[in-house]
């Protein structure tokens, strides 16, 4: 089974989640999503696996969120996804994908449910 973590090494929760996986003997594929953001189709797939909508995984305190007025409730899901791809700092982290399931590592232990 392939496990993938969308990881930001500067984030303590992301580091803790990666460590938790490795402690369990899981060596995930690491995607440094700030350098290699997911495509729109990948992000839609991740959202489906999470059972969430784009707004549910957005970091609303980041500057691009404010600059692009993404808090506007009329902003479409496709526009939110496009903003996350253009500004991957907006994507909440870490996200772990395992098969047809995904989990947000907040708290890090939440990812254990999908392994």
PDB file of N, CA and C in Angstrom:
ATOM      1  N   UNK A   1       0.845  -1.177   0.000  1.00  0.00           N
ATOM      2  CA  UNK A   1       0.000   0.000   0.000  1.00  0.00           C
ATOM      3  C   UNK A   1       0.892   1.243   0.000  1.00  0.00           C
ATOM      4  N   UNK A   2       0.611   2.135  -0.909  1.00  0.00           N
ATOM      5  CA  UNK A   2       1.373   3.375  -0.990  1.00  0.00           C
ATOM      6  C   UNK A   2       0.735   4.421  -0.092  1.00  0.00           C
ATOM      7  N   UNK A   3       1.555   5.041   0.726  1.00  0.00           N
ATOM      8  CA  UNK A   3       1.109   6.125   1.591  1.00  0.00           C
ATOM      9  C   UNK A   3       1.869   7.372   1.146  1.00  0.00           C
ATOM     10  N   UNK A   4       1.141   8.464   0.990  1.00  0.00           N
ATOM     11  CA  UNK A   4       1.737   9.728   0.566  1.00  0.00           C
ATOM     12  C   UNK A   4       1.427  10.784   1.607  1.00  0.00           C
ATOM     13  N   UNK A   5       2.438  11.594   1.925  1.00  0.00           N
ATOM     14  CA  UNK A   5       2.224  12.723   2.824  1.00  0.00           C
ATOM     15  C   UNK A   5       2.542  14.001   2.064  1.00  0.00           C
ATOM     16  N   UNK A   6       1.602  14.938   2.109  1.00  0.00           N
ATOM     17  CA  UNK A   6       1.823  16.277   1.572  1.00  0.00           C
ATOM     18  C   UNK A   6       2.410  17.060   2.735  1.00  0.00           C
ATOM     19  N   UNK A   7       3.701  17.344   2.629  1.00  0.00           N
ATOM     20  CA  UNK A   7       4.535  17.718   3.777  1.00  0.00           C
ATOM     21  C   UNK A   7       5.161  19.089   3.612  1.00  0.00           C
ATOM     22  N   UNK A   8       5.203  19.803   4.727  1.00  0.00           N
ATOM     23  CA  UNK A   8       5.961  21.047   4.821  1.00  0.00           C
ATOM     24  C   UNK A   8       6.910  20.862   6.000  1.00  0.00           C
ATOM     25  N   UNK A   9       8.215  20.683   5.733  1.00  0.00           N
ATOM     26  CA  UNK A   9       9.158  20.409   6.816  1.00  0.00           C
ATOM     27  C   UNK A   9       9.284  21.543   7.835  1.00  0.00           C
ATOM     28  N   UNK A  10       8.800  22.732   7.506  1.00  0.00           N
ATOM     29  CA  UNK A  10       8.874  23.851   8.463  1.00  0.00           C
ATOM     30  C   UNK A  10       7.715  23.830   9.454  1.00  0.00           C
ATOM     31  N   UNK A  11       6.740  22.951   9.227  1.00  0.00           N
ATOM     32  CA  UNK A  11       5.547  22.877  10.071  1.00  0.00           C
ATOM     33  C   UNK A  11       5.716  21.778  11.120  1.00  0.00           C
ATOM     34  N   UNK A  12       5.542  22.116  12.390  1.00  0.00           N
ATOM     35  CA  UNK A  12       5.724  21.129  13.455  1.00  0.00           C
ATOM     36  C   UNK A  12       4.722  19.984  13.347  1.00  0.00           C
ATOM     37  N   UNK A  13       3.466  20.266  13.012  1.00  0.00           N
ATOM     38  CA  UNK A  13       2.460  19.191  12.883  1.00  0.00           C
ATOM     39  C   UNK A  13       2.832  18.257  11.738  1.00  0.00           C
ATOM     40  N   UNK A  14       3.355  18.810  10.674  1.00  0.00           N
ATOM     41  CA  UNK A  14       3.761  17.997   9.525  1.00  0.00           C
ATOM     42  C   UNK A  14       4.946  17.106   9.913  1.00  0.00           C
ATOM     43  N   UNK A  15       5.907  17.668  10.615  1.00  0.00           N
ATOM     44  CA  UNK A  15       7.060  16.877  11.075  1.00  0.00           C
ATOM     45  C   UNK A  15       6.619  15.789  12.048  1.00  0.00           C
ATOM     46  N   UNK A  16       5.713  16.132  12.970  1.00  0.00           N
ATOM     47  CA  UNK A  16       5.217  15.149  13.937  1.00  0.00           C
ATOM     48  C   UNK A  16       4.476  14.015  13.231  1.00  0.00           C
ATOM     49  N   UNK A  17       3.681  14.358  12.236  1.00  0.00           N
ATOM     50  CA  UNK A  17       2.920  13.338  11.500  1.00  0.00           C
ATOM     51  C   UNK A  17       3.860  12.417  10.744  1.00  0.00           C
ATOM     52  N   UNK A  18       4.857  12.978  10.075  1.00  0.00           N
ATOM     53  CA  UNK A  18       5.830  12.157   9.362  1.00  0.00           C
ATOM     54  C   UNK A  18       6.557  11.233  10.347  1.00  0.00           C
ATOM     55  N   UNK A  19       6.952  11.751  11.499  1.00  0.00           N
ATOM     56  CA  UNK A  19       7.622  10.941  12.510  1.00  0.00           C
ATOM     57  C   UNK A  19       6.735   9.814  13.013  1.00  0.00           C
ATOM     58  N   UNK A  20       5.463  10.110  13.198  1.00  0.00           N
ATOM     59  CA  UNK A  20       4.508   9.101  13.664  1.00  0.00           C
ATOM     60  C   UNK A  20       4.382   7.964  12.643  1.00  0.00           C
ATOM     61  N   UNK A  21       4.320   8.323  11.360  1.00  0.00           N
ATOM     62  CA  UNK A  21       4.253   7.301  10.309  1.00  0.00           C
ATOM     63  C   UNK A  21       5.509   6.432  10.333  1.00  0.00           C
ATOM     64  N   UNK A  22       6.667   7.092  10.393  1.00  0.00           N
ATOM     65  CA  UNK A  22       7.933   6.354  10.369  1.00  0.00           C
ATOM     66  C   UNK A  22       8.079   5.460  11.597  1.00  0.00           C
ATOM     67  N   UNK A  23       7.607   5.930  12.773  1.00  0.00           N
ATOM     68  CA  UNK A  23       7.640   5.096  13.982  1.00  0.00           C
ATOM     69  C   UNK A  23       6.821   3.822  13.802  1.00  0.00           C
ATOM     70  N   UNK A  24       5.775   3.897  12.981  1.00  0.00           N
ATOM     71  CA  UNK A  24       4.905   2.742  12.720  1.00  0.00           C
ATOM     72  C   UNK A  24       5.427   1.890  11.561  1.00  0.00           C
ATOM     73  N   UNK A  25       6.630   2.226  11.067  1.00  0.00           N
ATOM     74  CA  UNK A  25       7.215   1.453   9.980  1.00  0.00           C
ATOM     75  C   UNK A  25       6.695   1.821   8.603  1.00  0.00           C
ATOM     76  N   UNK A  26       5.955   2.920   8.524  1.00  0.00           N
ATOM     77  CA  UNK A  26       5.430   3.387   7.239  1.00  0.00           C
ATOM     78  C   UNK A  26       6.421   4.386   6.657  1.00  0.00           C
ATOM     79  N   UNK A  27       6.919   4.086   5.463  1.00  0.00           N
ATOM     80  CA  UNK A  27       7.833   5.004   4.779  1.00  0.00           C
ATOM     81  C   UNK A  27       7.064   5.640   3.619  1.00  0.00           C
ATOM     82  N   UNK A  28       6.437   6.767   3.889  1.00  0.00           N
ATOM     83  CA  UNK A  28       5.573   7.364   2.872  1.00  0.00           C
ATOM     84  C   UNK A  28       6.351   8.039   1.749  1.00  0.00           C
ATOM     85  N   UNK A  29       5.680   8.171   0.627  1.00  0.00           N
ATOM     86  CA  UNK A  29       6.165   9.054  -0.432  1.00  0.00           C
ATOM     87  C   UNK A  29       5.941  10.468   0.090  1.00  0.00           C
ATOM     88  N   UNK A  30       6.985  11.282   0.071  1.00  0.00           N
ATOM     89  CA  UNK A  30       6.884  12.644   0.604  1.00  0.00           C
ATOM     90  C   UNK A  30       6.754  13.618  -0.557  1.00  0.00           C
ATOM     91  N   UNK A  31       5.664  14.383  -0.538  1.00  0.00           N
ATOM     92  CA  UNK A  31       5.450  15.426  -1.538  1.00  0.00           C
ATOM     93  C   UNK A  31       5.636  16.768  -0.830  1.00  0.00           C
ATOM     94  N   UNK A  32       6.660  17.490  -1.244  1.00  0.00           N
ATOM     95  CA  UNK A  32       6.890  18.829  -0.706  1.00  0.00           C
ATOM     96  C   UNK A  32       5.982  19.765  -1.505  1.00  0.00           C
ATOM     97  N   UNK A  33       4.735  19.869  -1.047  1.00  0.00           N
ATOM     98  CA  UNK A  33       3.680  20.495  -1.845  1.00  0.00           C
ATOM     99  C   UNK A  33       3.887  21.991  -2.069  1.00  0.00           C
ATOM    100  N   UNK A  34       4.717  22.638  -1.270  1.00  0.00           N
ATOM    101  CA  UNK A  34       4.977  24.060  -1.532  1.00  0.00           C
ATOM    102  C   UNK A  34       5.798  24.221  -2.808  1.00  0.00           C
ATOM    103  N   UNK A  35       6.690  23.239  -3.078  1.00  0.00           N
ATOM    104  CA  UNK A  35       7.489  23.271  -4.307  1.00  0.00           C
ATOM    105  C   UNK A  35       6.771  22.572  -5.461  1.00  0.00           C
ATOM    106  N   UNK A  36       5.996  21.538  -5.141  1.00  0.00           N
ATOM    107  CA  UNK A  36       5.288  20.753  -6.157  1.00  0.00           C
ATOM    108  C   UNK A  36       3.821  20.651  -5.781  1.00  0.00           C
ATOM    109  N   UNK A  37       3.050  21.721  -6.019  1.00  0.00           N
ATOM    110  CA  UNK A  37       1.641  21.666  -5.635  1.00  0.00           C
ATOM    111  C   UNK A  37       0.888  20.605  -6.435  1.00  0.00           C
ATOM    112  N   UNK A  38      -0.144  20.028  -5.820  1.00  0.00           N
ATOM    113  CA  UNK A  38      -0.935  19.049  -6.555  1.00  0.00           C
ATOM    114  C   UNK A  38      -1.666  19.727  -7.713  1.00  0.00           C
ATOM    115  N   UNK A  39      -1.997  18.939  -8.732  1.00  0.00           N
ATOM    116  CA  UNK A  39      -2.805  19.462  -9.837  1.00  0.00           C
ATOM    117  C   UNK A  39      -4.246  19.621  -9.347  1.00  0.00           C
ATOM    118  N   UNK A  40      -5.064  20.270 -10.153  1.00  0.00           N
ATOM    119  CA  UNK A  40      -6.473  20.431  -9.782  1.00  0.00           C
ATOM    120  C   UNK A  40      -7.139  19.071  -9.624  1.00  0.00           C
ATOM    121  N   UNK A  41      -6.864  18.139 -10.533  1.00  0.00           N
ATOM    122  CA  UNK A  41      -7.496  16.819 -10.424  1.00  0.00           C
ATOM    123  C   UNK A  41      -6.988  16.068  -9.198  1.00  0.00           C
ATOM    124  N   UNK A  42      -5.692  16.193  -8.879  1.00  0.00           N
ATOM    125  CA  UNK A  42      -5.165  15.552  -7.673  1.00  0.00           C
ATOM    126  C   UNK A  42      -5.814  16.146  -6.422  1.00  0.00           C
ATOM    127  N   UNK A  43      -5.941  17.462  -6.390  1.00  0.00           N
ATOM    128  CA  UNK A  43      -6.529  18.112  -5.218  1.00  0.00           C
ATOM    129  C   UNK A  43      -7.996  17.714  -5.067  1.00  0.00           C
ATOM    130  N   UNK A  44      -8.723  17.616  -6.187  1.00  0.00           N
ATOM    131  CA  UNK A  44     -10.120  17.180  -6.122  1.00  0.00           C
ATOM    132  C   UNK A  44     -10.210  15.746  -5.606  1.00  0.00           C
ATOM    133  N   UNK A  45      -9.283  14.895  -6.026  1.00  0.00           N
ATOM    134  CA  UNK A  45      -9.249  13.514  -5.552  1.00  0.00           C
ATOM    135  C   UNK A  45      -8.966  13.464  -4.054  1.00  0.00           C
ATOM    136  N   UNK A  46      -8.007  14.264  -3.608  1.00  0.00           N
ATOM    137  CA  UNK A  46      -7.671  14.323  -2.179  1.00  0.00           C
ATOM    138  C   UNK A  46      -8.884  14.793  -1.380  1.00  0.00           C
ATOM    139  N   UNK A  47      -9.550  15.825  -1.867  1.00  0.00           N
ATOM    140  CA  UNK A  47     -10.730  16.343  -1.172  1.00  0.00           C
ATOM    141  C   UNK A  47     -11.816  15.276  -1.073  1.00  0.00           C
ATOM    142  N   UNK A  48     -12.021  14.526  -2.149  1.00  0.00           N
ATOM    143  CA  UNK A  48     -13.026  13.458  -2.130  1.00  0.00           C
ATOM    144  C   UNK A  48     -12.664  12.405  -1.086  1.00  0.00           C
ATOM    145  N   UNK A  49     -11.382  12.054  -1.018  1.00  0.00           N
ATOM    146  CA  UNK A  49     -10.936  11.052  -0.038  1.00  0.00           C
ATOM    147  C   UNK A  49     -11.068  11.571   1.388  1.00  0.00           C
ATOM    148  N   UNK A  50     -10.883  12.874   1.563  1.00  0.00           N
ATOM    149  CA  UNK A  50     -11.038  13.485   2.884  1.00  0.00           C
ATOM    150  C   UNK A  50     -12.510  13.666   3.249  1.00  0.00           C
ATOM    151  N   UNK A  51     -13.377  13.703   2.216  1.00  0.00           N
ATOM    152  CA  UNK A  51     -14.784  14.009   2.461  1.00  0.00           C
ATOM    153  C   UNK A  51     -14.969  15.470   2.828  1.00  0.00           C
ATOM    154  N   UNK A  52     -14.140  16.327   2.224  1.00  0.00           N
ATOM    155  CA  UNK A  52     -14.174  17.755   2.550  1.00  0.00           C
ATOM    156  C   UNK A  52     -14.311  18.594   1.287  1.00  0.00           C
ATOM    157  N   UNK A  53     -14.659  19.845   1.492  1.00  0.00           N
ATOM    158  CA  UNK A  53     -14.730  20.817   0.404  1.00  0.00           C
ATOM    159  C   UNK A  53     -13.468  21.679   0.476  1.00  0.00           C
ATOM    160  N   UNK A  54     -13.138  22.377  -0.600  1.00  0.00           N
ATOM    161  CA  UNK A  54     -11.895  23.167  -0.615  1.00  0.00           C
ATOM    162  C   UNK A  54     -11.752  24.112   0.581  1.00  0.00           C
ATOM    163  N   UNK A  55     -12.814  24.791   0.924  1.00  0.00           N
ATOM    164  CA  UNK A  55     -12.729  25.761   2.023  1.00  0.00           C
ATOM    165  C   UNK A  55     -12.348  25.076   3.349  1.00  0.00           C
ATOM    166  N   UNK A  56     -12.685  23.798   3.484  1.00  0.00           N
ATOM    167  CA  UNK A  56     -12.410  23.056   4.723  1.00  0.00           C
ATOM    168  C   UNK A  56     -10.915  22.821   4.961  1.00  0.00           C
ATOM    169  N   UNK A  57     -10.109  22.904   3.899  1.00  0.00           N
ATOM    170  CA  UNK A  57      -8.669  22.643   4.071  1.00  0.00           C
ATOM    171  C   UNK A  57      -7.825  23.862   3.716  1.00  0.00           C
ATOM    172  N   UNK A  58      -8.431  25.042   3.829  1.00  0.00           N
ATOM    173  CA  UNK A  58      -7.687  26.267   3.515  1.00  0.00           C
ATOM    174  C   UNK A  58      -7.176  26.920   4.793  1.00  0.00           C
ATOM    175  N   UNK A  59      -5.968  27.413   4.682  1.00  0.00           N
ATOM    176  CA  UNK A  59      -5.351  28.153   5.789  1.00  0.00           C
ATOM    177  C   UNK A  59      -5.781  29.614   5.656  1.00  0.00           C
ATOM    178  N   UNK A  60      -6.788  29.975   6.440  1.00  0.00           N
ATOM    179  CA  UNK A  60      -7.421  31.282   6.267  1.00  0.00           C
ATOM    180  C   UNK A  60      -6.600  32.441   6.825  1.00  0.00           C
ATOM    181  N   UNK A  61      -5.554  32.147   7.581  1.00  0.00           N
ATOM    182  CA  UNK A  61      -4.735  33.241   8.134  1.00  0.00           C
ATOM    183  C   UNK A  61      -3.576  33.624   7.228  1.00  0.00           C
ATOM    184  N   UNK A  62      -3.409  32.900   6.127  1.00  0.00           N
ATOM    185  CA  UNK A  62      -2.316  33.216   5.202  1.00  0.00           C
ATOM    186  C   UNK A  62      -2.669  34.457   4.371  1.00  0.00           C
ATOM    187  N   UNK A  63      -1.650  35.225   4.020  1.00  0.00           N
ATOM    188  CA  UNK A  63      -1.857  36.483   3.309  1.00  0.00           C
ATOM    189  C   UNK A  63      -2.596  36.327   1.981  1.00  0.00           C
ATOM    190  N   UNK A  64      -2.277  35.309   1.145  1.00  0.00           N
ATOM    191  CA  UNK A  64      -3.029  35.199  -0.119  1.00  0.00           C
ATOM    192  C   UNK A  64      -4.532  35.025   0.091  1.00  0.00           C
ATOM    193  N   UNK A  65      -4.935  34.408   1.195  1.00  0.00           N
ATOM    194  CA  UNK A  65      -6.366  34.235   1.484  1.00  0.00           C
ATOM    195  C   UNK A  65      -7.025  35.611   1.598  1.00  0.00           C
ATOM    196  N   UNK A  66      -6.344  36.510   2.307  1.00  0.00           N
ATOM    197  CA  UNK A  66      -6.871  37.871   2.483  1.00  0.00           C
ATOM    198  C   UNK A  66      -6.767  38.656   1.177  1.00  0.00           C
ATOM    199  N   UNK A  67      -5.587  38.583   0.536  1.00  0.00           N
ATOM    200  CA  UNK A  67      -5.354  39.364  -0.680  1.00  0.00           C
ATOM    201  C   UNK A  67      -6.333  39.010  -1.798  1.00  0.00           C
ATOM    202  N   UNK A  68      -6.694  37.734  -1.894  1.00  0.00           N
ATOM    203  CA  UNK A  68      -7.575  37.271  -2.967  1.00  0.00           C
ATOM    204  C   UNK A  68      -9.050  37.256  -2.560  1.00  0.00           C
ATOM    205  N   UNK A  69      -9.347  37.753  -1.358  1.00  0.00           N
ATOM    206  CA  UNK A  69     -10.720  37.810  -0.841  1.00  0.00           C
ATOM    207  C   UNK A  69     -11.406  36.445  -0.905  1.00  0.00           C
ATOM    208  N   UNK A  70     -10.663  35.409  -0.504  1.00  0.00           N
ATOM    209  CA  UNK A  70     -11.194  34.048  -0.597  1.00  0.00           C
ATOM    210  C   UNK A  70     -12.236  33.743   0.477  1.00  0.00           C
ATOM    211  N   UNK A  71     -12.407  34.635   1.421  1.00  0.00           N
ATOM    212  CA  UNK A  71     -13.443  34.468   2.427  1.00  0.00           C
ATOM    213  C   UNK A  71     -14.837  34.746   1.889  1.00  0.00           C
ATOM    214  N   UNK A  72     -14.924  35.307   0.691  1.00  0.00           N
ATOM    215  CA  UNK A  72     -16.216  35.586   0.063  1.00  0.00           C
ATOM    216  C   UNK A  72     -16.966  34.272  -0.137  1.00  0.00           C
ATOM    217  N   UNK A  73     -18.143  34.105   0.495  1.00  0.00           N
ATOM    218  CA  UNK A  73     -18.867  32.836   0.398  1.00  0.00           C
ATOM    219  C   UNK A  73     -19.311  32.490  -1.026  1.00  0.00           C
ATOM    220  N   UNK A  74     -19.300  33.463  -1.934  1.00  0.00           N
ATOM    221  CA  UNK A  74     -19.702  33.197  -3.318  1.00  0.00           C
ATOM    222  C   UNK A  74     -18.561  32.654  -4.175  1.00  0.00           C
ATOM    223  N   UNK A  75     -17.354  32.578  -3.613  1.00  0.00           N
ATOM    224  CA  UNK A  75     -16.220  32.032  -4.367  1.00  0.00           C
ATOM    225  C   UNK A  75     -16.469  30.547  -4.610  1.00  0.00           C
ATOM    226  N   UNK A  76     -16.372  30.133  -5.869  1.00  0.00           N
ATOM    227  CA  UNK A  76     -16.672  28.740  -6.228  1.00  0.00           C
ATOM    228  C   UNK A  76     -15.571  27.793  -5.748  1.00  0.00           C
ATOM    229  N   UNK A  77     -15.928  26.519  -5.620  1.00  0.00           N
ATOM    230  CA  UNK A  77     -14.938  25.508  -5.248  1.00  0.00           C
ATOM    231  C   UNK A  77     -13.796  25.482  -6.257  1.00  0.00           C
ATOM    232  N   UNK A  78     -14.110  25.582  -7.547  1.00  0.00           N
ATOM    233  CA  UNK A  78     -13.062  25.566  -8.567  1.00  0.00           C
ATOM    234  C   UNK A  78     -12.111  26.756  -8.411  1.00  0.00           C
ATOM    235  N   UNK A  79     -12.657  27.915  -8.055  1.00  0.00           N
ATOM    236  CA  UNK A  79     -11.804  29.088  -7.843  1.00  0.00           C
ATOM    237  C   UNK A  79     -10.932  28.911  -6.597  1.00  0.00           C
ATOM    238  N   UNK A  80     -11.486  28.288  -5.562  1.00  0.00           N
ATOM    239  CA  UNK A  80     -10.699  28.024  -4.353  1.00  0.00           C
ATOM    240  C   UNK A  80      -9.574  27.038  -4.654  1.00  0.00           C
ATOM    241  N   UNK A  81      -9.883  25.998  -5.433  1.00  0.00           N
ATOM    242  CA  UNK A  81      -8.856  25.022  -5.821  1.00  0.00           C
ATOM    243  C   UNK A  81      -7.772  25.700  -6.648  1.00  0.00           C
ATOM    244  N   UNK A  82      -8.169  26.540  -7.590  1.00  0.00           N
ATOM    245  CA  UNK A  82      -7.187  27.262  -8.409  1.00  0.00           C
ATOM    246  C   UNK A  82      -6.290  28.132  -7.526  1.00  0.00           C
ATOM    247  N   UNK A  83      -6.859  28.760  -6.518  1.00  0.00           N
ATOM    248  CA  UNK A  83      -6.069  29.604  -5.607  1.00  0.00           C
ATOM    249  C   UNK A  83      -5.085  28.754  -4.805  1.00  0.00           C
ATOM    250  N   UNK A  84      -5.516  27.553  -4.383  1.00  0.00           N
ATOM    251  CA  UNK A  84      -4.615  26.684  -3.606  1.00  0.00           C
ATOM    252  C   UNK A  84      -3.467  26.173  -4.465  1.00  0.00           C
ATOM    253  N   UNK A  85      -3.717  25.956  -5.737  1.00  0.00           N
ATOM    254  CA  UNK A  85      -2.649  25.500  -6.627  1.00  0.00           C
ATOM    255  C   UNK A  85      -1.670  26.649  -6.906  1.00  0.00           C
ATOM    256  N   UNK A  86      -2.205  27.840  -7.124  1.00  0.00           N
ATOM    257  CA  UNK A  86      -1.360  29.009  -7.384  1.00  0.00           C
ATOM    258  C   UNK A  86      -0.600  29.442  -6.132  1.00  0.00           C
ATOM    259  N   UNK A  87      -1.203  29.219  -4.970  1.00  0.00           N
ATOM    260  CA  UNK A  87      -0.616  29.622  -3.682  1.00  0.00           C
ATOM    261  C   UNK A  87      -0.717  28.429  -2.726  1.00  0.00           C
ATOM    262  N   UNK A  88       0.142  27.421  -2.888  1.00  0.00           N
ATOM    263  CA  UNK A  88       0.006  26.203  -2.083  1.00  0.00           C
ATOM    264  C   UNK A  88       0.142  26.416  -0.581  1.00  0.00           C
ATOM    265  N   UNK A  89       0.636  27.575  -0.156  1.00  0.00           N
ATOM    266  CA  UNK A  89       0.690  27.879   1.275  1.00  0.00           C
ATOM    267  C   UNK A  89      -0.716  27.876   1.873  1.00  0.00           C
ATOM    268  N   UNK A  90      -1.734  28.002   1.022  1.00  0.00           N
ATOM    269  CA  UNK A  90      -3.126  28.011   1.479  1.00  0.00           C
ATOM    270  C   UNK A  90      -3.639  26.623   1.857  1.00  0.00           C
ATOM    271  N   UNK A  91      -2.923  25.566   1.460  1.00  0.00           N
ATOM    272  CA  UNK A  91      -3.379  24.200   1.726  1.00  0.00           C
ATOM    273  C   UNK A  91      -2.987  23.805   3.154  1.00  0.00           C
ATOM    274  N   UNK A  92      -3.982  23.378   3.916  1.00  0.00           N
ATOM    275  CA  UNK A  92      -3.716  22.912   5.282  1.00  0.00           C
ATOM    276  C   UNK A  92      -2.789  21.706   5.226  1.00  0.00           C
ATOM    277  N   UNK A  93      -1.973  21.552   6.235  1.00  0.00           N
ATOM    278  CA  UNK A  93      -0.983  20.486   6.240  1.00  0.00           C
ATOM    279  C   UNK A  93      -0.941  19.804   7.589  1.00  0.00           C
ATOM    280  N   UNK A  94      -0.428  18.622   7.625  1.00  0.00           N
ATOM    281  CA  UNK A  94      -0.117  17.736   6.507  1.00  0.00           C
ATOM    282  C   UNK A  94      -1.364  16.935   6.115  1.00  0.00           C
ATOM    283  N   UNK A  95      -1.376  16.482   4.888  1.00  0.00           N
ATOM    284  CA  UNK A  95      -2.421  15.583   4.422  1.00  0.00           C
ATOM    285  C   UNK A  95      -1.744  14.258   4.089  1.00  0.00           C
ATOM    286  N   UNK A  96      -2.317  13.174   4.594  1.00  0.00           N
ATOM    287  CA  UNK A  96      -1.799  11.837   4.319  1.00  0.00           C
ATOM    288  C   UNK A  96      -2.849  11.086   3.525  1.00  0.00           C
ATOM    289  N   UNK A  97      -2.407  10.464   2.424  1.00  0.00           N
ATOM    290  CA  UNK A  97      -3.296   9.688   1.565  1.00  0.00           C
ATOM    291  C   UNK A  97      -2.816   8.239   1.579  1.00  0.00           C
ATOM    292  N   UNK A  98      -3.760   7.333   1.791  1.00  0.00           N
ATOM    293  CA  UNK A  98      -3.471   5.903   1.792  1.00  0.00           C
ATOM    294  C   UNK A  98      -4.601   5.211   1.045  1.00  0.00           C
ATOM    295  N   UNK A  99      -4.306   4.748  -0.174  1.00  0.00           N
ATOM    296  CA  UNK A  99      -5.338   4.104  -0.975  1.00  0.00           C
ATOM    297  C   UNK A  99      -6.473   5.057  -1.275  1.00  0.00           C
ATOM    298  N   UNK A 100      -7.709   4.649  -0.914  1.00  0.00           N
ATOM    299  CA  UNK A 100      -8.868   5.494  -1.206  1.00  0.00           C
ATOM    300  C   UNK A 100      -9.280   6.338   0.004  1.00  0.00           C
ATOM    301  N   UNK A 101      -8.356   6.491   0.961  1.00  0.00           N
ATOM    302  CA  UNK A 101      -8.635   7.280   2.159  1.00  0.00           C
ATOM    303  C   UNK A 101      -7.586   8.379   2.312  1.00  0.00           C
ATOM    304  N   UNK A 102      -7.970   9.417   3.022  1.00  0.00           N
ATOM    305  CA  UNK A 102      -7.034  10.498   3.329  1.00  0.00           C
ATOM    306  C   UNK A 102      -7.400  11.061   4.692  1.00  0.00           C
ATOM    307  N   UNK A 103      -6.422  11.670   5.338  1.00  0.00           N
ATOM    308  CA  UNK A 103      -6.657  12.299   6.640  1.00  0.00           C
ATOM    309  C   UNK A 103      -5.761  13.520   6.776  1.00  0.00           C
ATOM    310  N   UNK A 104      -6.261  14.478   7.501  1.00  0.00           N
ATOM    311  CA  UNK A 104      -5.503  15.668   7.827  1.00  0.00           C
ATOM    312  C   UNK A 104      -4.806  15.399   9.153  1.00  0.00           C
ATOM    313  N   UNK A 105      -3.514  15.642   9.204  1.00  0.00           N
ATOM    314  CA  UNK A 105      -2.732  15.358  10.406  1.00  0.00           C
ATOM    315  C   UNK A 105      -2.863  16.413  11.473  1.00  0.00           C
ATOM    316  N   UNK A 106      -4.078  16.758  11.822  1.00  0.00           N
ATOM    317  CA  UNK A 106      -4.349  17.723  12.892  1.00  0.00           C
ATOM    318  C   UNK A 106      -5.431  17.148  13.772  1.00  0.00           C
ATOM    319  N   UNK A 107      -5.094  16.474  14.845  1.00  0.00           N
ATOM    320  CA  UNK A 107      -3.753  16.186  15.359  1.00  0.00           C
ATOM    321  C   UNK A 107      -3.069  15.088  14.541  1.00  0.00           C
ATOM    322  N   UNK A 108      -1.759  14.950  14.691  1.00  0.00           N
ATOM    323  CA  UNK A 108      -1.026  13.946  13.912  1.00  0.00           C
ATOM    324  C   UNK A 108      -1.612  12.535  14.009  1.00  0.00           C
ATOM    325  N   UNK A 109      -2.130  12.172  15.168  1.00  0.00           N
ATOM    326  CA  UNK A 109      -2.676  10.824  15.386  1.00  0.00           C
ATOM    327  C   UNK A 109      -3.883  10.526  14.499  1.00  0.00           C
ATOM    328  N   UNK A 110      -4.518  11.560  13.963  1.00  0.00           N
ATOM    329  CA  UNK A 110      -5.700  11.374  13.119  1.00  0.00           C
ATOM    330  C   UNK A 110      -5.368  10.530  11.871  1.00  0.00           C
ATOM    331  N   UNK A 111      -4.114  10.558  11.441  1.00  0.00           N
ATOM    332  CA  UNK A 111      -3.752   9.798  10.227  1.00  0.00           C
ATOM    333  C   UNK A 111      -3.694   8.300  10.475  1.00  0.00           C
ATOM    334  N   UNK A 112      -3.586   7.886  11.731  1.00  0.00           N
ATOM    335  CA  UNK A 112      -3.492   6.468  12.039  1.00  0.00           C
ATOM    336  C   UNK A 112      -4.764   5.726  11.659  1.00  0.00           C
ATOM    337  N   UNK A 113      -5.890   6.427  11.629  1.00  0.00           N
ATOM    338  CA  UNK A 113      -7.175   5.807  11.310  1.00  0.00           C
ATOM    339  C   UNK A 113      -7.239   5.297   9.870  1.00  0.00           C
ATOM    340  N   UNK A 114      -6.414   5.833   8.982  1.00  0.00           N
ATOM    341  CA  UNK A 114      -6.503   5.431   7.567  1.00  0.00           C
ATOM    342  C   UNK A 114      -5.435   4.418   7.171  1.00  0.00           C
ATOM    343  N   UNK A 115      -4.558   4.047   8.105  1.00  0.00           N
ATOM    344  CA  UNK A 115      -3.480   3.115   7.750  1.00  0.00           C
ATOM    345  C   UNK A 115      -3.945   1.674   7.816  1.00  0.00           C
TER     346      UNK A 115
END
